[in-house]
């Protein structure tokens, strides 16, 4: 059970998303729904919270330092994905420099799996909150003035007398309906708009029973699927529409239809209440049916994303996807038949990849004709089975975290050169995102098709070195 009680003392807390390395404006930063949840539970407990989404607000480290000095927070919480960890560590340095007495807390997937290294190498970091953070952070607030009690808090790693102490993992929150709605009052919602439209995220479940070797979701959120009730979900959808002006919704669940009956009930609730807003989701090809896709279409789903990963069964087995090429083809076909555009993500360069398996993947994409394709390079993030495999194989692997962006090769696969992977990806994008594709998507007229057309146009402009309308983006 999530326990949110009034704090004994109200604290000033600043939650930070680190500044980007590039000075180029980020036109479409992702709305940090995780921080919005943390903000909600902290505010409900009575703490004073400030959220600084540096990419969205275009705040650099120097400006951030000045803002922290003005606020004088008791706690600075920093979240970061792997490619931005060096920027996050610079934020920690700035925080300690400007506010020496502040407690610096790290969270997020990279910190969860690299907790001991972060603490041993970076004295500015005081505590790491591992995994699901709402209850852990609340408990941590009660011990800010007395670090002697940290050993009582499950789910943290901290430093004491020069030693790194790791407390037991915290049990996952079972009743997600108990969570308060994410707090967006601190966030500049207009900064997250796409082409003038406000697309707001919603998380309706946590936990993934899949154990794909390139992913850490089952470790971060558990393998047990925990889900909110359909009524609770659609209540939030109406709130997002009426209170925050949502023009569209994006379900951020790992697999929206993992529980097909529940997903169908959500669609029925959306229809019955006439929510009237388009939405998108991602799911697995083995947890979908044509009947379910019809329900989704009737409930105004306008884009479904599948993690196809490969057109080679050999690679699908290697990544432990537990799906087949035939299931991939069937799911995409069903979606197209019922009139839902399809986006797919594909991984290339995984251990075992050869020119032959790569060709099978490219041939598969050309055969099924999805509406949008995202090709990413196999990336061994901390905590993944993929990283363990590459390490065990003894392959050369980069330790430059800034390269872990899904677009840059970070390990050497002796079966296929990185140059071949980059060449194949470039050739595919050059052919797929053609002027014909841009025109076809533009003529469809709906928002998601316009988004695809603009992204493709951006790629063409980048390829021809012309000024971009908007940088390429990955929604999730």
Protein backbone atom coordinates (compact mmCIF):
# COMPACT_ATOMS: atom_id res chain seq x y z
CA UNK A 1 0.00 0.00 0.00
CA UNK A 2 1.19 3.50 -0.81
CA UNK A 3 1.22 5.53 2.39
CA UNK A 4 1.21 9.29 1.97
CA UNK A 5 1.10 11.04 5.31
CA UNK A 6 1.70 14.64 6.25
CA UNK A 7 5.40 15.38 6.61
CA UNK A 8 6.71 16.38 10.02
CA UNK A 9 8.52 19.24 8.33
CA UNK A 10 7.94 20.82 4.94
CA UNK A 11 11.08 20.66 2.81
CA UNK A 12 12.11 22.46 -0.34
CA UNK A 13 12.76 19.89 -3.04
CA UNK A 14 14.01 20.50 -6.57
CA UNK A 15 13.61 17.74 -9.15
CA UNK A 16 15.87 18.10 -12.18
CA UNK A 17 16.13 16.71 -15.69
CA UNK A 18 19.72 17.53 -16.75
CA UNK A 19 20.51 20.05 -19.50
CA UNK A 20 21.28 18.67 -22.96
CA UNK A 21 24.83 18.78 -24.26
CA UNK A 22 23.92 20.59 -27.45
CA UNK A 23 22.93 24.24 -27.64
CA UNK A 24 20.44 23.38 -30.39
CA UNK A 25 16.87 23.80 -29.10
CA UNK A 26 14.99 20.60 -28.33
CA UNK A 27 11.66 21.22 -29.99
CA UNK A 28 9.92 18.18 -28.64
CA UNK A 29 11.23 17.08 -25.24
CA UNK A 30 9.38 14.20 -23.60
CA UNK A 31 7.07 15.22 -20.80
CA UNK A 32 8.64 13.73 -17.62
CA UNK A 33 5.66 11.84 -16.26
CA UNK A 34 7.88 10.02 -13.74
CA UNK A 35 8.86 13.31 -12.11
CA UNK A 36 5.23 14.41 -12.25
CA UNK A 37 4.30 11.38 -10.12
CA UNK A 38 7.10 12.11 -7.65
CA UNK A 39 5.97 15.72 -7.48
CA UNK A 40 2.40 14.64 -6.75
CA UNK A 41 3.28 12.41 -3.79
CA UNK A 42 5.72 14.97 -2.35
CA UNK A 43 3.19 17.81 -2.64
CA UNK A 44 0.48 15.66 -1.10
CA UNK A 45 2.78 15.08 1.87
CA UNK A 46 3.24 18.83 2.25
CA UNK A 47 6.64 19.46 0.68
CA UNK A 48 7.43 22.43 -1.55
CA UNK A 49 8.49 21.08 -4.95
CA UNK A 50 10.10 22.80 -7.93
CA UNK A 51 10.60 20.88 -11.19
CA UNK A 52 13.31 22.02 -13.58
CA UNK A 53 13.06 20.29 -16.94
CA UNK A 54 16.23 21.82 -18.35
CA UNK A 55 15.79 20.60 -21.96
CA UNK A 56 12.25 21.97 -22.14
CA UNK A 57 13.11 25.27 -20.45
CA UNK A 58 16.49 25.58 -22.22
CA UNK A 59 18.34 25.90 -18.94
CA UNK A 60 22.10 25.30 -18.99
CA UNK A 61 24.20 24.25 -16.01
CA UNK A 62 25.22 27.80 -15.14
CA UNK A 63 21.63 29.07 -15.14
CA UNK A 64 20.53 26.02 -13.18
CA UNK A 65 23.15 26.78 -10.53
CA UNK A 66 21.83 30.30 -10.11
CA UNK A 67 18.27 29.02 -9.74
CA UNK A 68 19.29 26.44 -7.15
CA UNK A 69 21.18 29.07 -5.15
CA UNK A 70 18.04 31.24 -5.09
CA UNK A 71 15.81 28.38 -3.91
CA UNK A 72 18.24 26.84 -1.38
CA UNK A 73 16.60 23.39 -1.49
CA UNK A 74 17.06 20.75 1.19
CA UNK A 75 17.02 18.05 -1.47
CA UNK A 76 17.93 18.02 -5.17
CA UNK A 77 16.63 14.98 -7.00
CA UNK A 78 18.21 14.22 -10.37
CA UNK A 79 16.95 11.72 -12.92
CA UNK A 80 18.78 10.72 -16.04
CA UNK A 81 18.91 8.22 -18.85
CA UNK A 82 22.27 6.67 -19.68
CA UNK A 83 23.34 9.05 -22.50
CA UNK A 84 22.84 12.03 -20.18
CA UNK A 85 24.52 10.68 -17.06
CA UNK A 86 27.58 12.94 -17.38
CA UNK A 87 25.33 15.99 -17.57
CA UNK A 88 23.45 14.69 -14.51
CA UNK A 89 26.71 14.36 -12.58
CA UNK A 90 27.59 17.93 -13.52
CA UNK A 91 24.21 18.97 -12.10
CA UNK A 92 25.17 17.23 -8.85
CA UNK A 93 28.48 19.13 -8.78
CA UNK A 94 26.71 22.44 -9.40
CA UNK A 95 24.12 21.68 -6.71
CA UNK A 96 26.79 20.99 -4.09
CA UNK A 97 28.78 24.03 -5.14
CA UNK A 98 25.81 26.41 -4.87
CA UNK A 99 24.04 24.70 -1.97
CA UNK A 100 26.66 22.80 0.09
CA UNK A 101 24.11 21.52 2.61
CA UNK A 102 21.67 20.11 0.05
CA UNK A 103 21.17 16.35 -0.21
CA UNK A 104 21.72 15.13 -3.78
CA UNK A 105 19.58 12.14 -4.74
CA UNK A 106 19.86 10.23 -8.01
CA UNK A 107 17.15 8.11 -9.59
CA UNK A 108 16.27 6.50 -12.90
CA UNK A 109 17.38 3.35 -14.71
CA UNK A 110 21.07 4.19 -15.05
CA UNK A 111 21.40 5.09 -11.38
CA UNK A 112 19.44 1.99 -10.37
CA UNK A 113 21.90 -0.39 -12.04
CA UNK A 114 25.09 1.65 -11.58
CA UNK A 115 24.34 2.80 -8.04
CA UNK A 116 27.52 1.60 -6.34
CA UNK A 117 29.79 2.94 -9.07
CA UNK A 118 28.03 6.34 -9.04
CA UNK A 119 28.47 6.68 -5.30
CA UNK A 120 32.05 5.43 -5.17
CA UNK A 121 33.24 7.70 -7.99
CA UNK A 122 31.15 10.81 -7.33
CA UNK A 123 31.25 12.31 -3.82
CA UNK A 124 28.60 14.88 -4.81
CA UNK A 125 25.97 12.11 -4.97
CA UNK A 126 24.59 11.28 -1.53
CA UNK A 127 21.82 8.73 -2.17
CA UNK A 128 20.54 6.62 -5.06
CA UNK A 129 16.85 5.69 -5.14
CA UNK A 130 16.54 2.41 -7.00
CA UNK A 131 13.56 1.42 -9.12
CA UNK A 132 10.05 2.61 -8.26
CA UNK A 133 10.59 5.85 -6.40
CA UNK A 134 7.37 7.28 -4.94
CA UNK A 135 7.31 5.60 -1.53
CA UNK A 136 11.11 5.52 -1.23
CA UNK A 137 11.48 9.25 -1.80
CA UNK A 138 8.71 10.00 0.70
CA UNK A 139 10.51 7.99 3.38
CA UNK A 140 13.82 9.62 2.49
CA UNK A 141 12.34 13.06 3.18
CA UNK A 142 11.73 12.05 6.78
CA UNK A 143 15.43 11.28 7.25
CA UNK A 144 16.99 14.31 5.56
CA UNK A 145 17.95 15.86 8.89
CA UNK A 146 19.07 12.52 10.34
CA UNK A 147 21.01 10.34 7.94
CA UNK A 148 21.52 7.80 10.68
CA UNK A 149 18.18 6.24 9.84
CA UNK A 150 18.83 5.63 6.14
CA UNK A 151 19.49 1.92 6.69
CA UNK A 152 15.77 1.58 7.53
CA UNK A 153 14.68 2.74 4.06
CA UNK A 154 14.20 -0.05 1.51
CA UNK A 155 15.31 0.58 -2.06
CA UNK A 156 18.23 2.98 -1.60
CA UNK A 157 22.01 2.94 -1.84
CA UNK A 158 24.06 5.43 0.16
CA UNK A 159 27.49 6.14 1.55
CA UNK A 160 28.35 5.87 5.27
CA UNK A 161 31.82 6.19 6.77
CA UNK A 162 33.34 5.64 3.35
CA UNK A 163 31.37 2.44 2.78
CA UNK A 164 28.64 1.88 0.18
CA UNK A 165 25.49 0.51 1.80
CA UNK A 166 22.73 -1.08 -0.26
CA UNK A 167 19.41 -1.67 1.51
CA UNK A 168 17.03 -4.45 0.36
CA UNK A 169 14.87 -3.80 -2.68
CA UNK A 170 11.52 -2.18 -1.96
CA UNK A 171 8.35 -4.17 -2.70
CA UNK A 172 6.43 -2.76 -5.65
CA UNK A 173 3.26 -0.71 -5.17
CA UNK A 174 0.43 -3.17 -5.75
CA UNK A 175 -2.63 -0.93 -5.93
CA UNK A 176 -1.77 1.68 -8.55
CA UNK A 177 -5.20 3.29 -8.15
CA UNK A 178 -3.87 4.65 -4.83
CA UNK A 179 -1.32 6.83 -6.60
CA UNK A 180 -2.27 10.48 -6.93
CA UNK A 181 -2.55 11.82 -10.44
CA UNK A 182 0.73 13.18 -11.80
CA UNK A 183 1.21 16.84 -10.92
CA UNK A 184 1.70 19.03 -14.00
CA UNK A 185 1.50 22.41 -12.30
CA UNK A 186 5.30 22.70 -12.30
CA UNK A 187 5.72 21.74 -15.96
CA UNK A 188 5.59 24.04 -19.01
CA UNK A 189 3.05 21.95 -20.93
CA UNK A 190 3.24 24.09 -24.05
CA UNK A 191 6.92 23.19 -24.40
CA UNK A 192 5.94 19.58 -25.05
CA UNK A 193 3.53 20.34 -27.88
CA UNK A 194 3.91 18.83 -31.34
CA UNK A 195 2.86 21.15 -34.14
CA UNK A 196 0.67 23.09 -31.73
CA UNK A 197 -1.02 19.99 -30.31
CA UNK A 198 -0.79 18.88 -26.68
CA UNK A 199 -0.15 15.14 -26.44
CA UNK A 200 -0.18 14.07 -22.80
CA UNK A 201 1.09 10.72 -21.53
CA UNK A 202 -0.66 8.31 -19.25
CA UNK A 203 0.72 5.22 -17.50
CA UNK A 204 -1.99 2.68 -16.72
CA UNK A 205 0.15 -0.27 -15.65
CA UNK A 206 3.57 -1.25 -14.37
CA UNK A 207 5.48 -4.49 -14.58
CA UNK A 208 6.32 -6.62 -17.60
CA UNK A 209 6.51 -10.43 -17.64
CA UNK A 210 8.61 -10.26 -20.80
CA UNK A 211 12.34 -10.49 -20.24
CA UNK A 212 13.74 -9.22 -23.51
CA UNK A 213 17.50 -9.19 -23.23
CA UNK A 214 17.90 -5.58 -24.41
CA UNK A 215 15.41 -4.17 -21.87
CA UNK A 216 15.41 -3.52 -18.11
CA UNK A 217 11.70 -2.95 -17.62
CA UNK A 218 11.09 -6.27 -15.88
CA UNK A 219 13.87 -5.46 -13.40
CA UNK A 220 12.86 -1.84 -12.81
CA UNK A 221 9.14 -2.48 -12.48
CA UNK A 222 8.98 -6.19 -11.79
CA UNK A 223 7.70 -9.09 -13.84
CA UNK A 224 4.29 -9.00 -12.17
CA UNK A 225 1.79 -7.01 -14.23
CA UNK A 226 0.12 -4.40 -12.01
CA UNK A 227 -2.70 -2.41 -13.55
CA UNK A 228 -5.05 0.43 -12.76
CA UNK A 229 -8.78 -0.09 -13.09
CA UNK A 230 -10.45 1.02 -16.36
CA UNK A 231 -12.56 3.59 -14.49
CA UNK A 232 -9.50 5.07 -12.82
CA UNK A 233 -7.73 5.26 -16.20
CA UNK A 234 -10.55 6.99 -18.05
CA UNK A 235 -11.15 9.35 -15.13
CA UNK A 236 -7.59 10.54 -15.70
CA UNK A 237 -8.11 10.80 -19.46
CA UNK A 238 -11.07 13.13 -18.89
CA UNK A 239 -9.00 15.10 -16.38
CA UNK A 240 -6.15 15.48 -18.87
CA UNK A 241 -8.62 16.66 -21.51
CA UNK A 242 -10.66 19.02 -19.36
CA UNK A 243 -8.01 20.37 -16.97
CA UNK A 244 -4.86 20.33 -19.08
CA UNK A 245 -6.25 20.72 -22.59
CA UNK A 246 -5.01 17.44 -24.04
CA UNK A 247 -5.51 17.14 -27.79
CA UNK A 248 -4.29 13.54 -27.78
CA UNK A 249 -3.19 10.86 -25.32
CA UNK A 250 -0.20 8.55 -25.42
CA UNK A 251 -0.30 5.36 -23.37
CA UNK A 252 3.21 4.83 -22.01
CA UNK A 253 2.59 1.27 -20.82
CA UNK A 254 5.17 -1.31 -21.91
CA UNK A 255 2.32 -3.29 -23.46
CA UNK A 256 -1.13 -1.68 -23.37
CA UNK A 257 -2.95 -4.91 -24.29
CA UNK A 258 -0.98 -7.29 -22.08
CA UNK A 259 -4.28 -7.96 -20.31
CA UNK A 260 -6.53 -7.99 -23.37
CA UNK A 261 -9.80 -8.06 -21.40
CA UNK A 262 -8.76 -5.04 -19.33
CA UNK A 263 -7.61 -3.13 -22.43
CA UNK A 264 -10.96 -3.89 -24.05
CA UNK A 265 -12.78 -2.56 -20.99
CA UNK A 266 -10.74 0.65 -21.14
CA UNK A 267 -11.74 1.07 -24.79
CA UNK A 268 -15.39 0.50 -23.92
CA UNK A 269 -15.15 3.07 -21.12
CA UNK A 270 -13.56 5.59 -23.52
CA UNK A 271 -16.39 5.03 -26.01
CA UNK A 272 -19.20 5.11 -23.44
CA UNK A 273 -17.96 8.38 -21.95
CA UNK A 274 -17.36 9.89 -25.38
CA UNK A 275 -13.85 11.04 -24.48
CA UNK A 276 -13.40 12.03 -28.11
CA UNK A 277 -9.61 12.37 -28.16
CA UNK A 278 -7.25 10.39 -30.45
CA UNK A 279 -4.59 8.26 -28.81
CA UNK A 280 -1.68 5.93 -29.44
CA UNK A 281 -0.14 3.01 -27.60
CA UNK A 282 2.52 0.36 -27.84
CA UNK A 283 2.05 -3.35 -27.28
CA UNK A 284 3.29 -6.83 -28.11
CA UNK A 285 2.33 -8.70 -31.27
CA UNK A 286 1.45 -11.81 -29.22
CA UNK A 287 -0.96 -9.85 -27.01
CA UNK A 288 -3.24 -8.49 -29.70
CA UNK A 289 -6.10 -9.74 -31.85
CA UNK A 290 -8.07 -8.34 -34.73
CA UNK A 291 -11.10 -8.06 -32.43
CA UNK A 292 -9.06 -6.04 -29.93
CA UNK A 293 -7.77 -3.76 -32.66
CA UNK A 294 -11.33 -3.10 -33.80
CA UNK A 295 -12.23 -2.04 -30.25
CA UNK A 296 -9.18 0.21 -30.16
CA UNK A 297 -10.11 1.82 -33.48
CA UNK A 298 -13.67 2.41 -32.30
CA UNK A 299 -12.26 4.07 -29.16
CA UNK A 300 -10.24 6.47 -31.35
CA UNK A 301 -6.84 4.76 -31.35
CA UNK A 302 -4.94 6.35 -34.23
CA UNK A 303 -1.51 4.72 -33.94
CA UNK A 304 -0.27 1.41 -32.57
CA UNK A 305 3.41 0.63 -32.09
CA UNK A 306 4.87 -2.87 -32.13
CA UNK A 307 8.35 -3.87 -31.03
CA UNK A 308 9.00 -6.09 -34.03
CA UNK A 309 12.78 -6.12 -33.42
CA UNK A 310 13.76 -8.33 -36.38
CA UNK A 311 12.61 -10.14 -39.49
CA UNK A 312 14.88 -13.05 -38.57
CA UNK A 313 13.62 -15.72 -36.19
CA UNK A 314 17.21 -16.36 -35.17
CA UNK A 315 17.54 -12.81 -33.84
CA UNK A 316 14.08 -12.83 -32.25
CA UNK A 317 15.12 -15.92 -30.30
CA UNK A 318 18.47 -14.32 -29.40
CA UNK A 319 16.77 -11.29 -27.85
CA UNK A 320 14.34 -13.58 -25.97
CA UNK A 321 11.38 -11.82 -27.55
CA UNK A 322 9.24 -14.97 -27.43
CA UNK A 323 7.46 -13.99 -30.61
CA UNK A 324 7.70 -15.18 -34.21
CA UNK A 325 8.15 -13.48 -37.57
CA UNK A 326 4.69 -14.78 -38.48
CA UNK A 327 3.13 -13.13 -35.41
CA UNK A 328 4.79 -9.85 -36.33
CA UNK A 329 3.41 -10.00 -39.85
CA UNK A 330 -0.07 -10.99 -38.69
CA UNK A 331 -0.36 -8.22 -36.07
CA UNK A 332 0.74 -5.53 -38.52
CA UNK A 333 -1.70 -6.87 -41.11
CA UNK A 334 -4.60 -6.85 -38.66
CA UNK A 335 -3.94 -3.25 -37.65
CA UNK A 336 -3.80 -2.11 -41.26
CA UNK A 337 -7.01 -4.01 -42.05
CA UNK A 338 -8.96 -2.25 -39.30
CA UNK A 339 -7.54 1.16 -40.24
CA UNK A 340 -4.99 1.84 -37.49
CA UNK A 341 -1.63 3.16 -38.71
CA UNK A 342 1.33 1.07 -37.54
CA UNK A 343 4.70 2.11 -36.19
CA UNK A 344 7.37 -0.52 -35.64
CA UNK A 345 10.72 -0.50 -33.89
CA UNK A 346 13.56 -2.71 -35.08
CA UNK A 347 16.92 -3.59 -33.53
CA UNK A 348 19.90 -4.20 -35.80
CA UNK A 349 23.38 -5.38 -34.90
CA UNK A 350 22.42 -7.72 -32.07
CA UNK A 351 24.91 -10.51 -31.28
CA UNK A 352 24.30 -13.14 -33.93
CA UNK A 353 23.40 -10.53 -36.57
CA UNK A 354 24.91 -11.19 -40.00
CA UNK A 355 24.40 -9.68 -43.43
CA UNK A 356 21.89 -12.46 -44.05
CA UNK A 357 19.76 -11.80 -40.95
CA UNK A 358 19.95 -8.06 -41.61
CA UNK A 359 18.65 -8.62 -45.15
CA UNK A 360 15.77 -10.68 -43.77
CA UNK A 361 14.80 -7.77 -41.53
CA UNK A 362 14.89 -5.23 -44.36
CA UNK A 363 12.92 -7.57 -46.61
CA UNK A 364 10.36 -8.08 -43.85
CA UNK A 365 9.81 -4.34 -43.44
CA UNK A 366 9.36 -3.86 -47.16
CA UNK A 367 6.86 -6.73 -47.20
CA UNK A 368 4.61 -5.59 -44.33
CA UNK A 369 4.73 -1.87 -45.23
CA UNK A 370 4.35 -0.21 -41.82
CA UNK A 371 3.51 3.49 -41.65
CA UNK A 372 6.55 4.39 -39.58
CA UNK A 373 9.80 2.59 -38.81
CA UNK A 374 12.42 3.29 -36.18
CA UNK A 375 15.70 1.43 -36.70
CA UNK A 376 17.90 1.38 -33.61
CA UNK A 377 21.27 -0.18 -33.01
CA UNK A 378 21.57 -2.87 -30.35
CA UNK A 379 22.69 -1.00 -27.24
CA UNK A 380 23.92 -2.84 -24.12
CA UNK A 381 22.51 -0.58 -21.41
CA UNK A 382 23.50 -1.21 -17.78
CA UNK A 383 21.32 -3.88 -16.24
CA UNK A 384 20.49 -5.66 -19.50
CA UNK A 385 21.22 -9.26 -20.33
CA UNK A 386 22.64 -7.92 -23.58
CA UNK A 387 25.38 -6.12 -21.68
CA UNK A 388 26.21 -9.30 -19.80
CA UNK A 389 26.39 -11.20 -23.10
CA UNK A 390 28.71 -8.70 -24.77
CA UNK A 391 30.93 -8.71 -21.69
CA UNK A 392 31.06 -12.51 -21.56
CA UNK A 393 31.88 -12.66 -25.27
CA UNK A 394 34.83 -10.37 -24.63
CA UNK A 395 33.83 -7.95 -27.40
CA UNK A 396 35.17 -4.41 -27.27
CA UNK A 397 32.52 -2.13 -25.76
CA UNK A 398 32.52 1.65 -25.34
CA UNK A 399 32.44 3.19 -21.88
CA UNK A 400 31.42 6.59 -23.27
CA UNK A 401 27.83 6.78 -22.01
CA UNK A 402 26.99 9.71 -24.32
CA UNK A 403 27.13 7.28 -27.25
CA UNK A 404 24.38 5.08 -25.79
CA UNK A 405 21.70 6.80 -27.89
CA UNK A 406 20.47 3.83 -30.00
CA UNK A 407 21.99 5.48 -33.07
CA UNK A 408 25.71 5.02 -32.39
CA UNK A 409 27.51 1.65 -32.42
CA UNK A 410 28.96 0.99 -28.96
CA UNK A 411 30.33 -2.53 -29.34
CA UNK A 412 32.10 -4.48 -32.04
CA UNK A 413 30.30 -7.49 -33.49
CA UNK A 414 32.78 -9.74 -35.31
CA UNK A 415 30.01 -11.17 -37.50
CA UNK A 416 29.08 -7.83 -39.05
CA UNK A 417 30.99 -4.55 -39.16
CA UNK A 418 29.45 -1.44 -37.65
CA UNK A 419 30.04 0.30 -40.96
CA UNK A 420 27.73 -2.23 -42.63
CA UNK A 421 25.00 -1.56 -40.06
CA UNK A 422 25.20 2.19 -40.52
CA UNK A 423 25.27 1.82 -44.28
CA UNK A 424 22.21 -0.44 -44.26
CA UNK A 425 20.27 1.88 -41.98
CA UNK A 426 21.09 4.93 -44.10
CA UNK A 427 20.10 3.13 -47.30
CA UNK A 428 16.82 1.99 -45.76
CA UNK A 429 15.87 5.45 -44.48
CA UNK A 430 16.80 7.05 -47.81
CA UNK A 431 14.41 4.72 -49.60
CA UNK A 432 11.63 4.54 -47.00
CA UNK A 433 11.32 8.25 -46.16
CA UNK A 434 10.97 9.35 -49.75
CA UNK A 435 9.10 12.36 -51.19
CA UNK A 436 6.32 9.92 -52.09
CA UNK A 437 6.08 8.81 -48.44
CA UNK A 438 5.92 12.42 -47.26
CA UNK A 439 3.17 13.27 -49.74
CA UNK A 440 1.18 10.13 -48.94
CA UNK A 441 1.24 10.77 -45.18
CA UNK A 442 0.50 14.47 -45.60
CA UNK A 443 -2.61 13.78 -47.69
CA UNK A 444 -4.10 11.56 -44.99
CA UNK A 445 -4.79 14.70 -42.99
CA UNK A 446 -4.85 13.26 -39.47
CA UNK A 447 -2.48 14.39 -36.75
CA UNK A 448 -0.40 11.23 -36.50
CA UNK A 449 0.12 11.06 -40.26
CA UNK A 450 1.16 14.70 -40.25
CA UNK A 451 3.65 13.88 -37.50
CA UNK A 452 5.12 11.05 -39.58
CA UNK A 453 5.32 13.25 -42.66
CA UNK A 454 7.10 16.02 -40.77
CA UNK A 455 9.59 13.56 -39.26
CA UNK A 456 10.33 12.12 -42.70
CA UNK A 457 10.72 15.59 -44.15
CA UNK A 458 13.15 16.41 -41.39
CA UNK A 459 15.21 13.38 -42.34
CA UNK A 460 15.29 14.50 -45.97
CA UNK A 461 16.34 18.01 -44.96
CA UNK A 462 19.06 16.62 -42.73
CA UNK A 463 20.28 14.37 -45.53
CA UNK A 464 20.49 17.32 -47.91
CA UNK A 465 22.02 19.56 -45.21
CA UNK A 466 19.15 22.04 -45.38
CA UNK A 467 17.76 23.77 -42.27
CA UNK A 468 15.50 21.46 -40.31
CA UNK A 469 11.89 22.19 -39.44
CA UNK A 470 12.06 20.05 -36.35
CA UNK A 471 14.68 17.57 -35.10
CA UNK A 472 13.96 13.87 -35.45
CA UNK A 473 12.38 12.43 -32.36
CA UNK A 474 11.43 9.21 -30.72
CA UNK A 475 8.13 9.48 -28.89
CA UNK A 476 8.95 6.98 -26.19
